[in-house]
């Protein structure tokens, strides 16, 4: 499990820049030109990422398990 990584994907064309993700997971997201951007795309598992993806008002954030590509959040 120590080698497991998650991939953060943000659709910057639909992001509204609400800042929910930066408030919930400031170590993983930043706002660039008013839109969310992951600080690093590939990260160790962190439940704050699930919270951020689930809280995004337009579901512009996708969290995937890197090896399998399975979508972890938001729930489909």
Protein backbone atom coordinates (compact mmCIF):
# COMPACT_ATOMS: atom_id res chain seq x y z
CA UNK A 1 0.00 0.00 0.00
CA UNK A 2 2.96 2.34 0.60
CA UNK A 3 3.60 2.49 -3.14
CA UNK A 4 0.01 3.37 -4.05
CA UNK A 5 -0.49 6.78 -5.63
CA UNK A 6 -3.48 8.82 -6.67
CA UNK A 7 -3.67 11.09 -9.70
CA UNK A 8 -5.34 14.50 -9.39
CA UNK A 9 -7.07 15.76 -12.53
CA UNK A 10 -8.69 19.20 -12.76
CA UNK A 11 -10.79 20.31 -15.72
CA UNK A 12 -9.65 23.93 -15.74
CA UNK A 13 -12.08 24.82 -18.53
CA UNK A 14 -15.07 24.13 -16.26
CA UNK A 15 -13.53 25.15 -12.92
CA UNK A 16 -15.35 28.13 -11.40
CA UNK A 17 -12.53 29.01 -9.01
CA UNK A 18 -14.72 28.68 -5.91
CA UNK A 19 -11.68 27.78 -3.81
CA UNK A 20 -13.38 24.85 -2.07
CA UNK A 21 -10.48 22.57 -2.99
CA UNK A 22 -7.81 24.98 -1.78
CA UNK A 23 -9.67 25.42 1.49
CA UNK A 24 -10.08 21.68 2.08
CA UNK A 25 -6.74 20.46 0.72
CA UNK A 26 -4.31 23.40 0.57
CA UNK A 27 -1.30 21.06 0.32
CA UNK A 28 -2.69 19.70 -2.95
CA UNK A 29 -4.43 22.59 -4.75
CA UNK A 30 -3.70 26.19 -5.64
CA UNK A 31 -5.55 28.78 -7.69
CA UNK A 32 -3.78 29.85 -10.87
CA UNK A 33 -5.41 32.71 -12.78
CA UNK A 34 -8.60 32.13 -10.78
CA UNK A 35 -8.84 28.40 -11.51
CA UNK A 36 -7.87 25.33 -9.51
CA UNK A 37 -4.63 23.57 -10.30
CA UNK A 38 -3.05 20.59 -8.55
CA UNK A 39 0.28 21.40 -6.92
CA UNK A 40 1.45 17.90 -7.90
CA UNK A 41 -0.53 15.53 -10.11
CA UNK A 42 0.67 12.26 -8.57
CA UNK A 43 0.36 12.01 -4.78
CA UNK A 44 0.13 9.49 -1.96
CA UNK A 45 -3.45 8.70 -0.87
CA UNK A 46 -5.04 11.45 1.22
CA UNK A 47 -8.70 11.55 2.28
CA UNK A 48 -8.66 15.35 1.92
CA UNK A 49 -8.49 14.82 -1.85
CA UNK A 50 -11.71 12.82 -1.76
CA UNK A 51 -13.33 15.59 0.29
CA UNK A 52 -12.13 18.25 -2.17
CA UNK A 53 -13.39 16.35 -5.23
CA UNK A 54 -16.75 15.64 -3.59
CA UNK A 55 -17.10 19.30 -2.54
CA UNK A 56 -16.34 20.83 -5.94
CA UNK A 57 -19.61 22.52 -6.98
CA UNK A 58 -19.26 21.47 -10.63
CA UNK A 59 -17.22 18.27 -10.22
CA UNK A 60 -14.20 19.69 -12.04
CA UNK A 61 -11.87 17.54 -9.90
CA UNK A 62 -11.26 13.85 -10.54
CA UNK A 63 -9.20 11.61 -8.27
CA UNK A 64 -7.96 8.34 -9.78
CA UNK A 65 -6.03 5.38 -8.44
CA UNK A 66 -2.85 5.66 -10.51
CA UNK A 67 -2.19 1.98 -11.22
CA UNK A 68 -5.72 0.87 -12.15
CA UNK A 69 -7.11 4.21 -13.34
CA UNK A 70 -10.19 3.63 -11.17
CA UNK A 71 -12.09 6.80 -10.29
CA UNK A 72 -12.08 7.32 -6.52
CA UNK A 73 -13.92 10.65 -6.43
CA UNK A 74 -16.34 12.10 -7.08
CA UNK A 75 -18.71 9.18 -6.78
CA UNK A 76 -20.14 8.33 -10.18
